[in-house]
Amino acid sequence: MSVVIVGGNECMIRRYKDLCEEYNCKVKVYPKLVGDFKNIGSPDLMVLFTNTMSHKMLRSAINAIKGQDVRVERCHNCSVNALKKILTLHAGA
């Protein structure tokens, strides 16, 4: 399963990646706005940590996956525990 995480804290990137590896997921993490997210590809799940992103970043991320069959999970809290709950729900373990 491939996961894209948009938002979150820069200092937590390594923890996000380690947790996704535990769930056998490939992950890309974008804590900042990078262009218009053209290199996102077609993930199975997109996690949006809404408390650490601007409205412009949110719109860019959603537009990048428009027309694709991608599950989108929005979460206000950007903790590892919140990500763990999302991955348990979608990736199982």
C-alpha atoms as a PDB file:
ATOM      1  CA  MET A   1       0.000   0.000   0.000  1.00  0.00           C
ATOM      2  CA  SER A   2       1.330   3.463  -0.807  1.00  0.00           C
ATOM      3  CA  VAL A   3       0.671   6.407   1.494  1.00  0.00           C
ATOM      4  CA  VAL A   4       1.224  10.132   1.053  1.00  0.00           C
ATOM      5  CA  ILE A   5       1.340  12.291   4.166  1.00  0.00           C
ATOM      6  CA  VAL A   6       0.782  16.009   3.658  1.00  0.00           C
ATOM      7  CA  GLY A   7       1.413  18.395   6.533  1.00  0.00           C
ATOM      8  CA  GLY A   8       2.726  17.352   9.898  1.00  0.00           C
ATOM      9  CA  ASN A   9       5.924  18.401  11.611  1.00  0.00           C
ATOM     10  CA  GLU A  10       9.297  18.321   9.879  1.00  0.00           C
ATOM     11  CA  CYS A  11      10.952  16.856  12.954  1.00  0.00           C
ATOM     12  CA  MET A  12       8.517  13.897  12.849  1.00  0.00           C
ATOM     13  CA  ILE A  13       9.236  12.758   9.269  1.00  0.00           C
ATOM     14  CA  ARG A  14      11.494   9.893  10.375  1.00  0.00           C
ATOM     15  CA  ARG A  15       8.856   8.651  12.846  1.00  0.00           C
ATOM     16  CA  TYR A  16       6.118   8.807  10.204  1.00  0.00           C
ATOM     17  CA  LYS A  17       8.278   6.768   7.809  1.00  0.00           C
ATOM     18  CA  ASP A  18       9.225   4.201  10.461  1.00  0.00           C
ATOM     19  CA  LEU A  19       5.586   3.702  11.442  1.00  0.00           C
ATOM     20  CA  CYS A  20       4.522   3.247   7.820  1.00  0.00           C
ATOM     21  CA  GLU A  21       7.275   0.637   7.355  1.00  0.00           C
ATOM     22  CA  GLU A  22       5.801  -1.310  10.302  1.00  0.00           C
ATOM     23  CA  TYR A  23       2.534  -1.475   8.336  1.00  0.00           C
ATOM     24  CA  ASN A  24       4.367  -2.461   5.120  1.00  0.00           C
ATOM     25  CA  CYS A  25       3.466   0.799   3.415  1.00  0.00           C
ATOM     26  CA  LYS A  26       5.532   2.869   1.030  1.00  0.00           C
ATOM     27  CA  VAL A  27       5.381   6.484   2.125  1.00  0.00           C
ATOM     28  CA  LYS A  28       6.095   9.987   0.869  1.00  0.00           C
ATOM     29  CA  VAL A  29       5.966  12.844   3.369  1.00  0.00           C
ATOM     30  CA  TYR A  30       5.421  16.488   2.404  1.00  0.00           C
ATOM     31  CA  PRO A  31       5.523  18.721   5.501  1.00  0.00           C
ATOM     32  CA  LYS A  32       5.758  21.876   3.361  1.00  0.00           C
ATOM     33  CA  LEU A  33       4.179  23.127   0.156  1.00  0.00           C
ATOM     34  CA  VAL A  34       6.341  21.938  -2.749  1.00  0.00           C
ATOM     35  CA  GLY A  35       5.187  23.298  -6.070  1.00  0.00           C
ATOM     36  CA  ASP A  36       1.854  21.735  -6.912  1.00  0.00           C
ATOM     37  CA  PHE A  37       2.522  18.150  -5.771  1.00  0.00           C
ATOM     38  CA  LYS A  38       3.041  16.801  -9.303  1.00  0.00           C
ATOM     39  CA  ASN A  39       5.321  14.013  -8.034  1.00  0.00           C
ATOM     40  CA  ILE A  40       2.725  12.512  -5.674  1.00  0.00           C
ATOM     41  CA  GLY A  41       1.838   9.803  -8.179  1.00  0.00           C
ATOM     42  CA  SER A  42      -1.218   7.673  -7.454  1.00  0.00           C
ATOM     43  CA  PRO A  43      -1.206   6.605  -3.798  1.00  0.00           C
ATOM     44  CA  ASP A  44      -3.756   4.321  -2.163  1.00  0.00           C
ATOM     45  CA  LEU A  45      -4.180   6.641   0.826  1.00  0.00           C
ATOM     46  CA  MET A  46      -3.547  10.334   1.403  1.00  0.00           C
ATOM     47  CA  VAL A  47      -3.289  11.551   5.001  1.00  0.00           C
ATOM     48  CA  LEU A  48      -3.832  15.271   5.508  1.00  0.00           C
ATOM     49  CA  PHE A  49      -2.672  16.712   8.836  1.00  0.00           C
ATOM     50  CA  THR A  50      -4.821  19.825   8.650  1.00  0.00           C
ATOM     51  CA  ASN A  51      -3.544  21.690  11.716  1.00  0.00           C
ATOM     52  CA  THR A  52      -0.096  22.256  10.180  1.00  0.00           C
ATOM     53  CA  MET A  53      -1.017  23.216   6.626  1.00  0.00           C
ATOM     54  CA  SER A  54      -2.360  26.274   4.888  1.00  0.00           C
ATOM     55  CA  HIS A  55      -5.545  26.328   2.847  1.00  0.00           C
ATOM     56  CA  LYS A  56      -3.451  26.708  -0.307  1.00  0.00           C
ATOM     57  CA  MET A  57      -1.462  23.573   0.550  1.00  0.00           C
ATOM     58  CA  LEU A  58      -4.680  21.635   1.195  1.00  0.00           C
ATOM     59  CA  ARG A  59      -6.193  22.689  -2.138  1.00  0.00           C
ATOM     60  CA  SER A  60      -2.967  21.814  -4.001  1.00  0.00           C
ATOM     61  CA  ALA A  61      -2.833  18.347  -2.449  1.00  0.00           C
ATOM     62  CA  ILE A  62      -6.491  17.620  -3.243  1.00  0.00           C
ATOM     63  CA  ASN A  63      -6.099  18.884  -6.823  1.00  0.00           C
ATOM     64  CA  ALA A  64      -3.057  16.630  -7.320  1.00  0.00           C
ATOM     65  CA  ILE A  65      -5.194  13.508  -6.817  1.00  0.00           C
ATOM     66  CA  LYS A  66      -8.341  14.766  -8.531  1.00  0.00           C
ATOM     67  CA  GLY A  67      -9.824  12.072 -10.771  1.00  0.00           C
ATOM     68  CA  GLN A  68      -7.919   9.236  -9.068  1.00  0.00           C
ATOM     69  CA  ASP A  69      -9.323   6.576  -6.773  1.00  0.00           C
ATOM     70  CA  VAL A  70      -7.497   7.674  -3.614  1.00  0.00           C
ATOM     71  CA  ARG A  71      -8.812   7.414  -0.061  1.00  0.00           C
ATOM     72  CA  VAL A  72      -8.326  10.702   1.773  1.00  0.00           C
ATOM     73  CA  GLU A  73      -8.104  10.840   5.561  1.00  0.00           C
ATOM     74  CA  ARG A  74      -8.107  14.249   7.242  1.00  0.00           C
ATOM     75  CA  CYS A  75      -6.789  14.522  10.764  1.00  0.00           C
ATOM     76  CA  HIS A  76      -6.372  17.644  12.876  1.00  0.00           C
ATOM     77  CA  ASN A  77      -3.762  16.070  15.141  1.00  0.00           C
ATOM     78  CA  CYS A  78      -0.375  15.286  13.551  1.00  0.00           C
ATOM     79  CA  SER A  79       0.932  12.867  16.188  1.00  0.00           C
ATOM     80  CA  VAL A  80       2.360   9.411  15.562  1.00  0.00           C
ATOM     81  CA  ASN A  81      -0.546   7.935  17.525  1.00  0.00           C
ATOM     82  CA  ALA A  82      -3.059   9.602  15.184  1.00  0.00           C
ATOM     83  CA  LEU A  83      -1.199   8.215  12.160  1.00  0.00           C
ATOM     84  CA  LYS A  84      -1.140   4.776  13.789  1.00  0.00           C
ATOM     85  CA  LYS A  85      -4.943   4.811  14.138  1.00  0.00           C
ATOM     86  CA  ILE A  86      -5.339   5.823  10.494  1.00  0.00           C
ATOM     87  CA  LEU A  87      -2.962   3.108   9.273  1.00  0.00           C
ATOM     88  CA  THR A  88      -4.659   0.477  11.442  1.00  0.00           C
ATOM     89  CA  LEU A  89      -7.999   1.455   9.922  1.00  0.00           C
ATOM     90  CA  HIS A  90      -6.821   1.453   6.302  1.00  0.00           C
ATOM     91  CA  ALA A  91      -3.813  -0.888   6.138  1.00  0.00           C
ATOM     92  CA  GLY A  92      -4.626  -3.285   8.945  1.00  0.00           C
ATOM     93  CA  ALA A  93      -1.938  -5.091  10.898  1.00  0.00           C
END
